[in-house]
Amino acid sequence: MFKLLQKPEFSHTVKLSVPVDGGHDTQTFTARFRALPVSEVTAHDTMTAEGTATYLREILTGWEGVVDDAGEEIAFNDATRDRMIDLPFVRVALLETYNAAMLGAKRGN
């Protein structure tokens, strides 16, 4: 049975390649996404930096496992979300995770 939800949301693990001295460090957190209908996706110009930011503000609705320098959880709010999506490596990881989830990457494309 398929349940057609009014505002579907889902959580997925986001794998980031974080730049560090001499290379990259693989880190993860769990993101909560809103599944946008195609009619809303097409309204975003993800070929521009601002369009991508607007798109990410629409789809990212929460997270778990994001911490500060002291290891303390960082609460999800507009300011911390915007700080996260201002980082290029975070943007890439969020978009890759969301797109893979929406397109069913494990189906054997």
N, C-alpha and C. Protein backbone atom coordinates (compact mmCIF):
# COMPACT_ATOMS: atom_id res chain seq x y z
N MET A 1 0.85 -1.17 0.00
CA MET A 1 0.00 0.00 0.00
C MET A 1 0.90 1.24 0.00
N PHE A 2 0.55 2.21 -0.82
CA PHE A 2 1.27 3.48 -0.89
C PHE A 2 0.49 4.54 -0.12
N LYS A 3 1.19 5.24 0.75
CA LYS A 3 0.54 6.28 1.54
C LYS A 3 0.93 7.63 0.94
N LEU A 4 -0.02 8.34 0.38
CA LEU A 4 0.22 9.66 -0.22
C LEU A 4 0.10 10.73 0.86
N LEU A 5 1.26 11.17 1.33
CA LEU A 5 1.31 12.14 2.43
C LEU A 5 1.21 13.57 1.91
N GLN A 6 0.65 14.44 2.73
CA GLN A 6 0.55 15.85 2.35
C GLN A 6 1.92 16.52 2.25
N LYS A 7 2.77 16.28 3.24
CA LYS A 7 4.11 16.89 3.27
C LYS A 7 5.12 15.81 3.66
N PRO A 8 5.49 14.97 2.70
CA PRO A 8 6.41 13.88 3.05
C PRO A 8 7.79 14.38 3.46
N GLU A 9 8.32 13.76 4.51
CA GLU A 9 9.68 14.04 4.98
C GLU A 9 10.38 12.72 5.24
N PHE A 10 11.70 12.75 5.20
CA PHE A 10 12.50 11.55 5.46
C PHE A 10 13.87 11.96 5.98
N SER A 11 14.53 11.02 6.63
CA SER A 11 15.89 11.25 7.14
C SER A 11 16.86 10.33 6.41
N HIS A 12 18.04 10.84 6.11
CA HIS A 12 19.10 10.05 5.49
C HIS A 12 20.44 10.49 6.05
N THR A 13 21.38 9.58 6.06
CA THR A 13 22.74 9.90 6.47
C THR A 13 23.44 10.64 5.35
N VAL A 14 24.04 11.78 5.69
CA VAL A 14 24.80 12.59 4.74
C VAL A 14 26.27 12.32 4.99
N LYS A 15 26.99 11.94 3.94
CA LYS A 15 28.42 11.67 4.02
C LYS A 15 29.16 12.85 3.38
N LEU A 16 29.98 13.51 4.20
CA LEU A 16 30.70 14.69 3.73
C LEU A 16 32.19 14.39 3.59
N SER A 17 32.81 15.00 2.62
CA SER A 17 34.24 14.96 2.45
C SER A 17 34.75 16.34 2.87
N VAL A 18 35.16 16.45 4.13
CA VAL A 18 35.52 17.73 4.73
C VAL A 18 37.01 18.01 4.49
N PRO A 19 37.33 19.17 3.86
CA PRO A 19 38.73 19.49 3.63
C PRO A 19 39.50 19.67 4.94
N VAL A 20 40.67 19.04 5.02
CA VAL A 20 41.59 19.19 6.16
C VAL A 20 42.99 19.33 5.58
N ASP A 21 43.95 19.70 6.41
CA ASP A 21 45.32 19.83 5.95
C ASP A 21 45.78 18.56 5.24
N GLY A 22 46.16 18.69 4.01
CA GLY A 22 46.71 17.57 3.27
C GLY A 22 45.71 16.58 2.71
N GLY A 23 44.41 16.87 2.80
CA GLY A 23 43.43 15.94 2.24
C GLY A 23 42.02 16.21 2.69
N HIS A 24 41.30 15.13 2.97
CA HIS A 24 39.89 15.22 3.36
C HIS A 24 39.59 14.24 4.48
N ASP A 25 38.61 14.58 5.29
CA ASP A 25 38.13 13.74 6.37
C ASP A 25 36.67 13.40 6.08
N THR A 26 36.33 12.13 6.11
CA THR A 26 34.95 11.72 5.90
C THR A 26 34.19 11.84 7.21
N GLN A 27 33.11 12.61 7.18
CA GLN A 27 32.27 12.81 8.35
C GLN A 27 30.81 12.60 7.94
N THR A 28 29.96 12.33 8.91
CA THR A 28 28.54 12.10 8.60
C THR A 28 27.64 12.81 9.62
N PHE A 29 26.42 13.04 9.20
CA PHE A 29 25.34 13.45 10.08
C PHE A 29 24.04 13.00 9.44
N THR A 30 22.97 13.03 10.20
CA THR A 30 21.66 12.64 9.68
C THR A 30 20.87 13.90 9.38
N ALA A 31 20.44 14.03 8.13
CA ALA A 31 19.64 15.18 7.72
C ALA A 31 18.18 14.78 7.58
N ARG A 32 17.31 15.71 7.91
CA ARG A 32 15.87 15.53 7.71
C ARG A 32 15.49 16.38 6.50
N PHE A 33 14.88 15.74 5.49
CA PHE A 33 14.54 16.41 4.25
C PHE A 33 13.03 16.44 4.03
N ARG A 34 12.60 17.45 3.35
CA ARG A 34 11.22 17.53 2.85
C ARG A 34 11.26 17.10 1.40
N ALA A 35 10.40 16.17 1.02
CA ALA A 35 10.33 15.71 -0.36
C ALA A 35 9.49 16.71 -1.16
N LEU A 36 10.16 17.52 -1.96
CA LEU A 36 9.44 18.53 -2.75
C LEU A 36 8.81 17.90 -3.98
N PRO A 37 7.60 18.32 -4.32
CA PRO A 37 7.02 17.88 -5.58
C PRO A 37 7.74 18.56 -6.75
N VAL A 38 7.69 17.95 -7.91
CA VAL A 38 8.37 18.47 -9.09
C VAL A 38 7.97 19.92 -9.36
N SER A 39 6.71 20.24 -9.16
CA SER A 39 6.24 21.61 -9.41
C SER A 39 6.98 22.64 -8.57
N GLU A 40 7.45 22.26 -7.38
CA GLU A 40 8.21 23.19 -6.55
C GLU A 40 9.70 23.14 -6.86
N VAL A 41 10.20 21.97 -7.25
CA VAL A 41 11.62 21.84 -7.59
C VAL A 41 11.96 22.72 -8.78
N THR A 42 11.11 22.72 -9.79
CA THR A 42 11.40 23.47 -11.01
C THR A 42 11.41 24.98 -10.79
N ALA A 43 10.88 25.44 -9.68
CA ALA A 43 10.88 26.87 -9.37
C ALA A 43 12.25 27.35 -8.89
N HIS A 44 13.18 26.43 -8.63
CA HIS A 44 14.50 26.79 -8.10
C HIS A 44 15.57 26.69 -9.18
N ASP A 45 16.37 27.73 -9.29
CA ASP A 45 17.49 27.72 -10.23
C ASP A 45 18.75 27.26 -9.50
N THR A 46 18.98 25.96 -9.51
CA THR A 46 20.13 25.41 -8.79
C THR A 46 21.44 25.58 -9.56
N MET A 47 21.39 26.32 -10.66
CA MET A 47 22.63 26.62 -11.40
C MET A 47 23.28 27.90 -10.86
N THR A 48 22.64 28.55 -9.89
CA THR A 48 23.22 29.73 -9.26
C THR A 48 23.41 29.45 -7.77
N ALA A 49 24.34 30.17 -7.16
CA ALA A 49 24.60 29.97 -5.74
C ALA A 49 23.38 30.31 -4.89
N GLU A 50 22.71 31.41 -5.20
CA GLU A 50 21.54 31.81 -4.41
C GLU A 50 20.37 30.87 -4.66
N GLY A 51 20.21 30.42 -5.89
CA GLY A 51 19.14 29.47 -6.19
C GLY A 51 19.33 28.15 -5.45
N THR A 52 20.57 27.70 -5.38
CA THR A 52 20.88 26.48 -4.64
C THR A 52 20.61 26.67 -3.16
N ALA A 53 21.00 27.83 -2.62
CA ALA A 53 20.75 28.10 -1.20
C ALA A 53 19.26 28.10 -0.89
N THR A 54 18.47 28.72 -1.75
CA THR A 54 17.02 28.77 -1.57
C THR A 54 16.43 27.36 -1.61
N TYR A 55 16.90 26.56 -2.56
CA TYR A 55 16.45 25.17 -2.69
C TYR A 55 16.77 24.38 -1.42
N LEU A 56 18.00 24.51 -0.93
CA LEU A 56 18.41 23.78 0.28
C LEU A 56 17.62 24.24 1.50
N ARG A 57 17.28 25.53 1.56
CA ARG A 57 16.45 26.02 2.67
C ARG A 57 15.07 25.36 2.65
N GLU A 58 14.59 25.05 1.46
CA GLU A 58 13.28 24.41 1.30
C GLU A 58 13.31 22.93 1.70
N ILE A 59 14.39 22.23 1.33
CA ILE A 59 14.39 20.79 1.54
C ILE A 59 14.97 20.35 2.88
N LEU A 60 15.90 21.11 3.46
CA LEU A 60 16.51 20.72 4.73
C LEU A 60 15.67 21.21 5.89
N THR A 61 15.10 20.27 6.66
CA THR A 61 14.19 20.64 7.73
C THR A 61 14.70 20.32 9.14
N GLY A 62 15.85 19.67 9.21
CA GLY A 62 16.41 19.34 10.52
C GLY A 62 17.63 18.46 10.38
N TRP A 63 18.27 18.17 11.53
CA TRP A 63 19.43 17.28 11.52
C TRP A 63 19.70 16.72 12.90
N GLU A 64 20.51 15.69 12.91
CA GLU A 64 21.06 15.11 14.15
C GLU A 64 22.52 14.83 13.88
N GLY A 65 23.35 14.99 14.90
CA GLY A 65 24.75 14.63 14.77
C GLY A 65 25.64 15.74 14.23
N VAL A 66 25.17 16.99 14.32
CA VAL A 66 26.01 18.14 13.95
C VAL A 66 26.48 18.76 15.26
N VAL A 67 27.81 18.85 15.42
CA VAL A 67 28.38 19.32 16.68
C VAL A 67 29.35 20.47 16.43
N ASP A 68 29.63 21.21 17.51
CA ASP A 68 30.60 22.31 17.43
C ASP A 68 31.99 21.80 17.80
N ASP A 69 32.95 22.72 17.91
CA ASP A 69 34.34 22.38 18.22
C ASP A 69 34.49 21.60 19.53
N ALA A 70 33.59 21.84 20.48
CA ALA A 70 33.64 21.17 21.78
C ALA A 70 32.86 19.86 21.79
N GLY A 71 32.28 19.49 20.65
CA GLY A 71 31.51 18.25 20.58
C GLY A 71 30.07 18.39 21.05
N GLU A 72 29.61 19.62 21.27
CA GLU A 72 28.24 19.87 21.70
C GLU A 72 27.32 19.93 20.49
N GLU A 73 26.14 19.32 20.62
CA GLU A 73 25.15 19.33 19.54
C GLU A 73 24.80 20.77 19.15
N ILE A 74 24.69 21.00 17.86
CA ILE A 74 24.25 22.29 17.35
C ILE A 74 22.80 22.15 16.94
N ALA A 75 21.95 22.97 17.54
CA ALA A 75 20.52 22.93 17.25
C ALA A 75 20.25 23.42 15.83
N PHE A 76 19.25 22.81 15.20
CA PHE A 76 18.83 23.25 13.87
C PHE A 76 17.94 24.48 14.02
N ASN A 77 18.30 25.54 13.34
CA ASN A 77 17.47 26.73 13.23
C ASN A 77 17.88 27.44 11.94
N ASP A 78 17.21 28.51 11.60
CA ASP A 78 17.51 29.19 10.34
C ASP A 78 18.97 29.64 10.25
N ALA A 79 19.51 30.17 11.34
CA ALA A 79 20.88 30.68 11.32
C ALA A 79 21.90 29.56 11.15
N THR A 80 21.75 28.46 11.90
CA THR A 80 22.71 27.37 11.78
C THR A 80 22.55 26.65 10.44
N ARG A 81 21.32 26.52 9.97
CA ARG A 81 21.09 25.93 8.64
C ARG A 81 21.81 26.75 7.57
N ASP A 82 21.64 28.07 7.62
CA ASP A 82 22.27 28.93 6.62
C ASP A 82 23.79 28.89 6.71
N ARG A 83 24.32 28.76 7.92
CA ARG A 83 25.77 28.64 8.10
C ARG A 83 26.28 27.35 7.46
N MET A 84 25.52 26.27 7.64
CA MET A 84 25.90 24.98 7.04
C MET A 84 25.86 25.04 5.52
N ILE A 85 24.76 25.55 4.97
CA ILE A 85 24.63 25.51 3.51
C ILE A 85 25.48 26.57 2.81
N ASP A 86 26.17 27.39 3.58
CA ASP A 86 27.12 28.34 3.00
C ASP A 86 28.46 27.67 2.68
N LEU A 87 28.66 26.46 3.20
CA LEU A 87 29.90 25.72 2.96
C LEU A 87 29.75 24.85 1.71
N PRO A 88 30.62 25.04 0.70
CA PRO A 88 30.48 24.29 -0.55
C PRO A 88 30.45 22.78 -0.38
N PHE A 89 31.30 22.22 0.47
CA PHE A 89 31.33 20.77 0.63
C PHE A 89 30.07 20.24 1.31
N VAL A 90 29.41 21.07 2.11
CA VAL A 90 28.13 20.68 2.72
C VAL A 90 27.04 20.70 1.65
N ARG A 91 27.03 21.74 0.82
CA ARG A 91 26.03 21.83 -0.25
C ARG A 91 26.08 20.60 -1.14
N VAL A 92 27.28 20.25 -1.57
CA VAL A 92 27.43 19.10 -2.47
C VAL A 92 26.89 17.83 -1.81
N ALA A 93 27.27 17.61 -0.56
CA ALA A 93 26.84 16.40 0.15
C ALA A 93 25.33 16.37 0.34
N LEU A 94 24.72 17.50 0.69
CA LEU A 94 23.28 17.55 0.87
C LEU A 94 22.55 17.27 -0.44
N LEU A 95 22.99 17.90 -1.51
CA LEU A 95 22.35 17.69 -2.80
C LEU A 95 22.49 16.25 -3.28
N GLU A 96 23.69 15.69 -3.13
CA GLU A 96 23.90 14.30 -3.55
C GLU A 96 23.01 13.34 -2.76
N THR A 97 22.93 13.55 -1.45
CA THR A 97 22.12 12.67 -0.60
C THR A 97 20.64 12.79 -0.93
N TYR A 98 20.16 14.01 -1.06
CA TYR A 98 18.75 14.24 -1.36
C TYR A 98 18.39 13.66 -2.72
N ASN A 99 19.20 13.97 -3.73
CA ASN A 99 18.90 13.47 -5.08
C ASN A 99 18.93 11.95 -5.15
N ALA A 100 19.90 11.34 -4.49
CA ALA A 100 19.97 9.88 -4.48
C ALA A 100 18.72 9.29 -3.82
N ALA A 101 18.27 9.90 -2.73
CA ALA A 101 17.06 9.42 -2.04
C ALA A 101 15.82 9.59 -2.91
N MET A 102 15.69 10.73 -3.54
CA MET A 102 14.51 11.02 -4.35
C MET A 102 14.47 10.18 -5.63
N LEU A 103 15.63 9.89 -6.18
CA LEU A 103 15.69 9.16 -7.45
C LEU A 103 15.86 7.67 -7.27
N GLY A 104 15.98 7.22 -6.02
CA GLY A 104 16.11 5.80 -5.77
C GLY A 104 17.42 5.23 -6.28
N ALA A 105 18.53 5.78 -5.85
CA ALA A 105 19.85 5.38 -6.34
C ALA A 105 20.12 3.90 -6.17
N LYS A 106 19.49 3.25 -5.21
CA LYS A 106 19.77 1.83 -4.98
C LYS A 106 18.94 0.92 -5.89
N ARG A 107 18.18 1.51 -6.76
CA ARG A 107 17.35 0.71 -7.67
C ARG A 107 18.15 0.17 -8.84
N GLY A 108 19.39 0.56 -8.98
CA GLY A 108 20.22 0.05 -10.06
C GLY A 108 20.14 0.89 -11.30
N ASN A 109 19.98 2.18 -11.13
CA ASN A 109 19.87 3.16 -12.23
C ASN A 109 20.40 2.59 -13.49
